[in-house]
Amino acid sequence: MLRFLRKVKTVAKKRKLAYRWSPERRVGSHGTVYLGGRFAIVKDLKKELRPGLLADMCKQLGIRKLAFERRTSDVHCELPRELPDGGQ
C-alpha cells in the first residue's frame, strides 16, 4: 500500500496536481489520499493491495493502472492525458 501512495505522489508531481495523505479516517486504520479534486479511501497500509482494490482506487483518483505484479507488490499508475472532470 505504501508503494501505491508513493506512485500517486509521483504522478501528482509529474502532472502538477495537489497531493495529500490524511491517515485519520475514524474507521480502523483507513486513510484518505487526495489527488487534485479527487480522493480515494485507503485501507490499512500494512495489508496487501489486491488487484481489484487497486483498480477501484485508480478509478476513483482518475488514474490508469498500468501494471501490477503481486509477487513484488509493484504498482504503476499514471494519469490519462485529460481528466474527465476537467482536471480537478
N, C-alpha and C. Protein backbone atom coordinates (compact mmCIF):
# COMPACT_ATOMS: atom_id res chain seq x y z
N MET A 1 0.82 -1.19 0.00
CA MET A 1 0.00 0.00 0.00
C MET A 1 0.87 1.26 0.00
N LEU A 2 1.99 1.22 0.70
CA LEU A 2 2.87 2.39 0.72
C LEU A 2 3.42 2.70 -0.68
N ARG A 3 3.68 1.67 -1.46
CA ARG A 3 4.17 1.89 -2.82
C ARG A 3 3.11 2.59 -3.66
N PHE A 4 1.85 2.23 -3.44
CA PHE A 4 0.75 2.90 -4.15
C PHE A 4 0.76 4.39 -3.84
N LEU A 5 0.89 4.74 -2.57
CA LEU A 5 0.90 6.16 -2.18
C LEU A 5 2.09 6.89 -2.79
N ARG A 6 3.25 6.23 -2.81
CA ARG A 6 4.43 6.86 -3.43
C ARG A 6 4.21 7.10 -4.92
N LYS A 7 3.59 6.13 -5.59
CA LYS A 7 3.32 6.29 -7.03
C LYS A 7 2.32 7.41 -7.28
N VAL A 8 1.29 7.51 -6.46
CA VAL A 8 0.31 8.58 -6.61
C VAL A 8 0.99 9.93 -6.41
N LYS A 9 1.88 10.01 -5.43
CA LYS A 9 2.61 11.26 -5.18
C LYS A 9 3.48 11.62 -6.38
N THR A 10 4.12 10.62 -6.98
CA THR A 10 4.95 10.85 -8.17
C THR A 10 4.10 11.35 -9.33
N VAL A 11 2.93 10.75 -9.52
CA VAL A 11 2.01 11.18 -10.58
C VAL A 11 1.58 12.62 -10.33
N ALA A 12 1.29 12.95 -9.08
CA ALA A 12 0.87 14.32 -8.73
C ALA A 12 1.95 15.33 -9.09
N LYS A 13 3.20 15.01 -8.75
CA LYS A 13 4.30 15.93 -9.08
C LYS A 13 4.46 16.07 -10.59
N LYS A 14 4.38 14.95 -11.28
CA LYS A 14 4.55 14.95 -12.74
C LYS A 14 3.48 15.79 -13.42
N ARG A 15 2.24 15.68 -12.94
CA ARG A 15 1.11 16.39 -13.54
C ARG A 15 0.77 17.70 -12.84
N LYS A 16 1.59 18.08 -11.86
CA LYS A 16 1.40 19.33 -11.11
C LYS A 16 0.01 19.42 -10.48
N LEU A 17 -0.37 18.34 -9.81
CA LEU A 17 -1.64 18.29 -9.09
C LEU A 17 -1.37 18.27 -7.59
N ALA A 18 -2.33 18.74 -6.84
CA ALA A 18 -2.21 18.70 -5.38
C ALA A 18 -2.30 17.26 -4.91
N TYR A 19 -1.46 16.90 -3.93
CA TYR A 19 -1.46 15.57 -3.33
C TYR A 19 -1.51 15.74 -1.83
N ARG A 20 -2.35 14.93 -1.19
CA ARG A 20 -2.40 14.96 0.28
C ARG A 20 -2.79 13.59 0.80
N TRP A 21 -2.12 13.16 1.85
CA TRP A 21 -2.44 11.91 2.53
C TRP A 21 -2.94 12.25 3.92
N SER A 22 -4.12 11.77 4.26
CA SER A 22 -4.70 12.00 5.57
C SER A 22 -4.94 10.65 6.24
N PRO A 23 -4.09 10.28 7.22
CA PRO A 23 -4.21 8.96 7.83
C PRO A 23 -5.43 8.78 8.74
N GLU A 24 -6.06 9.86 9.18
CA GLU A 24 -7.21 9.73 10.07
C GLU A 24 -8.48 9.54 9.26
N ARG A 25 -9.18 8.49 9.53
CA ARG A 25 -10.44 8.23 8.84
C ARG A 25 -11.53 7.84 9.82
N ARG A 26 -11.19 7.69 11.10
CA ARG A 26 -12.12 7.30 12.16
C ARG A 26 -12.67 5.89 11.99
N VAL A 27 -12.19 5.14 11.02
CA VAL A 27 -12.64 3.77 10.81
C VAL A 27 -11.41 2.89 10.77
N GLY A 28 -11.11 2.19 11.84
CA GLY A 28 -9.96 1.30 11.85
C GLY A 28 -8.69 2.04 11.49
N SER A 29 -7.94 1.48 10.56
CA SER A 29 -6.67 2.09 10.16
C SER A 29 -6.74 2.63 8.74
N HIS A 30 -7.92 3.01 8.29
CA HIS A 30 -8.09 3.55 6.95
C HIS A 30 -7.62 5.00 6.91
N GLY A 31 -7.31 5.47 5.69
CA GLY A 31 -6.92 6.85 5.48
C GLY A 31 -7.48 7.33 4.15
N THR A 32 -7.22 8.56 3.81
CA THR A 32 -7.70 9.13 2.57
C THR A 32 -6.53 9.75 1.82
N VAL A 33 -6.45 9.45 0.52
CA VAL A 33 -5.45 10.08 -0.34
C VAL A 33 -6.21 11.00 -1.30
N TYR A 34 -5.71 12.22 -1.43
CA TYR A 34 -6.32 13.22 -2.30
C TYR A 34 -5.38 13.49 -3.46
N LEU A 35 -5.93 13.55 -4.68
CA LEU A 35 -5.16 13.86 -5.87
C LEU A 35 -5.97 14.85 -6.69
N GLY A 36 -5.50 16.08 -6.74
CA GLY A 36 -6.29 17.12 -7.40
C GLY A 36 -7.60 17.29 -6.65
N GLY A 37 -8.71 17.22 -7.36
CA GLY A 37 -10.02 17.34 -6.74
C GLY A 37 -10.66 16.00 -6.43
N ARG A 38 -9.91 14.91 -6.54
CA ARG A 38 -10.45 13.57 -6.30
C ARG A 38 -9.85 12.97 -5.04
N PHE A 39 -10.49 11.91 -4.55
CA PHE A 39 -9.96 11.23 -3.37
C PHE A 39 -10.32 9.75 -3.42
N ALA A 40 -9.58 8.96 -2.66
CA ALA A 40 -9.86 7.53 -2.50
C ALA A 40 -9.58 7.14 -1.06
N ILE A 41 -10.39 6.24 -0.55
CA ILE A 41 -10.17 5.70 0.79
C ILE A 41 -9.15 4.57 0.67
N VAL A 42 -8.16 4.59 1.54
CA VAL A 42 -7.08 3.60 1.52
C VAL A 42 -7.17 2.77 2.78
N LYS A 43 -7.13 1.44 2.61
CA LYS A 43 -7.21 0.57 3.78
C LYS A 43 -5.87 0.52 4.50
N ASP A 44 -5.78 -0.30 5.50
CA ASP A 44 -4.59 -0.47 6.33
C ASP A 44 -3.32 -0.55 5.47
N LEU A 45 -2.35 0.31 5.75
CA LEU A 45 -1.12 0.36 4.97
C LEU A 45 -0.27 -0.90 5.11
N LYS A 46 -0.51 -1.68 6.16
CA LYS A 46 0.28 -2.88 6.39
C LYS A 46 -0.26 -4.09 5.63
N LYS A 47 -1.44 -3.98 5.07
CA LYS A 47 -2.06 -5.11 4.37
C LYS A 47 -1.75 -5.07 2.88
N GLU A 48 -1.89 -6.24 2.26
CA GLU A 48 -1.61 -6.37 0.82
C GLU A 48 -2.69 -5.68 0.00
N LEU A 49 -2.29 -5.07 -1.08
CA LEU A 49 -3.19 -4.40 -2.00
C LEU A 49 -3.58 -5.37 -3.11
N ARG A 50 -4.83 -5.75 -3.17
CA ARG A 50 -5.33 -6.69 -4.17
C ARG A 50 -5.62 -5.96 -5.48
N PRO A 51 -5.55 -6.67 -6.62
CA PRO A 51 -5.77 -6.03 -7.93
C PRO A 51 -7.11 -5.31 -8.06
N GLY A 52 -8.18 -5.88 -7.52
CA GLY A 52 -9.49 -5.23 -7.61
C GLY A 52 -9.55 -3.92 -6.86
N LEU A 53 -8.96 -3.90 -5.67
CA LEU A 53 -8.93 -2.68 -4.87
C LEU A 53 -8.04 -1.63 -5.54
N LEU A 54 -6.92 -2.07 -6.10
CA LEU A 54 -6.03 -1.17 -6.84
C LEU A 54 -6.78 -0.52 -7.99
N ALA A 55 -7.51 -1.32 -8.76
CA ALA A 55 -8.27 -0.79 -9.89
C ALA A 55 -9.32 0.22 -9.43
N ASP A 56 -10.00 -0.09 -8.33
CA ASP A 56 -11.02 0.82 -7.81
C ASP A 56 -10.42 2.15 -7.37
N MET A 57 -9.30 2.09 -6.65
CA MET A 57 -8.66 3.32 -6.17
C MET A 57 -8.13 4.15 -7.34
N CYS A 58 -7.54 3.50 -8.33
CA CYS A 58 -7.07 4.23 -9.51
C CYS A 58 -8.24 4.91 -10.22
N LYS A 59 -9.36 4.21 -10.33
CA LYS A 59 -10.54 4.78 -10.98
C LYS A 59 -11.05 5.99 -10.19
N GLN A 60 -11.10 5.88 -8.87
CA GLN A 60 -11.57 6.99 -8.03
C GLN A 60 -10.66 8.21 -8.16
N LEU A 61 -9.36 7.97 -8.34
CA LEU A 61 -8.40 9.07 -8.46
C LEU A 61 -8.25 9.57 -9.89
N GLY A 62 -8.86 8.86 -10.85
CA GLY A 62 -8.78 9.26 -12.25
C GLY A 62 -7.45 8.92 -12.88
N ILE A 63 -6.80 7.86 -12.40
CA ILE A 63 -5.53 7.43 -12.97
C ILE A 63 -5.68 6.02 -13.52
N ARG A 64 -4.79 5.66 -14.44
CA ARG A 64 -4.84 4.33 -15.05
C ARG A 64 -3.90 3.38 -14.35
N LYS A 65 -4.35 2.17 -14.18
CA LYS A 65 -3.50 1.12 -13.63
C LYS A 65 -2.74 0.51 -14.80
N LEU A 66 -1.42 0.69 -14.84
CA LEU A 66 -0.63 0.19 -15.96
C LEU A 66 -0.12 -1.22 -15.71
N ALA A 67 0.32 -1.51 -14.52
CA ALA A 67 0.86 -2.84 -14.25
C ALA A 67 0.79 -3.12 -12.76
N PHE A 68 0.62 -4.35 -12.44
CA PHE A 68 0.60 -4.75 -11.04
C PHE A 68 1.20 -6.14 -10.94
N GLU A 69 2.28 -6.26 -10.21
CA GLU A 69 2.93 -7.55 -10.01
C GLU A 69 2.73 -7.96 -8.57
N ARG A 70 1.99 -9.02 -8.35
CA ARG A 70 1.67 -9.46 -6.98
C ARG A 70 2.89 -9.87 -6.18
N ARG A 71 3.83 -10.53 -6.84
CA ARG A 71 4.96 -11.07 -6.08
C ARG A 71 5.84 -9.97 -5.50
N THR A 72 5.94 -8.82 -6.17
CA THR A 72 6.77 -7.73 -5.65
C THR A 72 5.93 -6.57 -5.13
N SER A 73 4.62 -6.66 -5.32
CA SER A 73 3.70 -5.59 -4.93
C SER A 73 4.04 -4.26 -5.59
N ASP A 74 4.61 -4.33 -6.81
CA ASP A 74 4.88 -3.10 -7.56
C ASP A 74 3.58 -2.54 -8.10
N VAL A 75 3.43 -1.26 -8.02
CA VAL A 75 2.25 -0.59 -8.53
C VAL A 75 2.72 0.51 -9.46
N HIS A 76 2.17 0.53 -10.66
CA HIS A 76 2.49 1.58 -11.62
C HIS A 76 1.18 2.17 -12.10
N CYS A 77 1.02 3.46 -11.98
CA CYS A 77 -0.19 4.09 -12.48
C CYS A 77 0.16 5.49 -12.95
N GLU A 78 -0.63 5.99 -13.87
CA GLU A 78 -0.42 7.35 -14.36
C GLU A 78 -1.76 7.96 -14.72
N LEU A 79 -1.77 9.25 -14.85
CA LEU A 79 -2.99 9.94 -15.22
C LEU A 79 -3.22 9.84 -16.73
N PRO A 80 -4.47 9.77 -17.16
CA PRO A 80 -4.73 9.90 -18.59
C PRO A 80 -4.39 11.32 -19.01
N ARG A 81 -4.27 11.55 -20.29
CA ARG A 81 -3.88 12.89 -20.76
C ARG A 81 -4.85 13.98 -20.26
N GLU A 82 -6.13 13.69 -20.28
CA GLU A 82 -7.13 14.65 -19.79
C GLU A 82 -8.04 13.96 -18.79
N LEU A 83 -8.28 14.59 -17.67
CA LEU A 83 -9.19 14.04 -16.69
C LEU A 83 -10.63 14.32 -17.13
N PRO A 84 -11.55 13.38 -16.92
CA PRO A 84 -12.94 13.59 -17.34
C PRO A 84 -13.61 14.79 -16.69
N ASP A 85 -13.18 15.18 -15.49
CA ASP A 85 -13.85 16.29 -14.81
C ASP A 85 -13.12 17.63 -15.01
N GLY A 86 -12.33 17.72 -16.06
CA GLY A 86 -11.67 18.98 -16.35
C GLY A 86 -10.39 19.19 -15.57
N GLY A 87 -9.81 18.14 -14.97
CA GLY A 87 -8.55 18.27 -14.28
C GLY A 87 -8.66 18.62 -12.82
N GLN A 88 -9.81 18.56 -12.26
CA GLN A 88 -9.98 18.90 -10.85
C GLN A 88 -10.13 17.68 -10.01
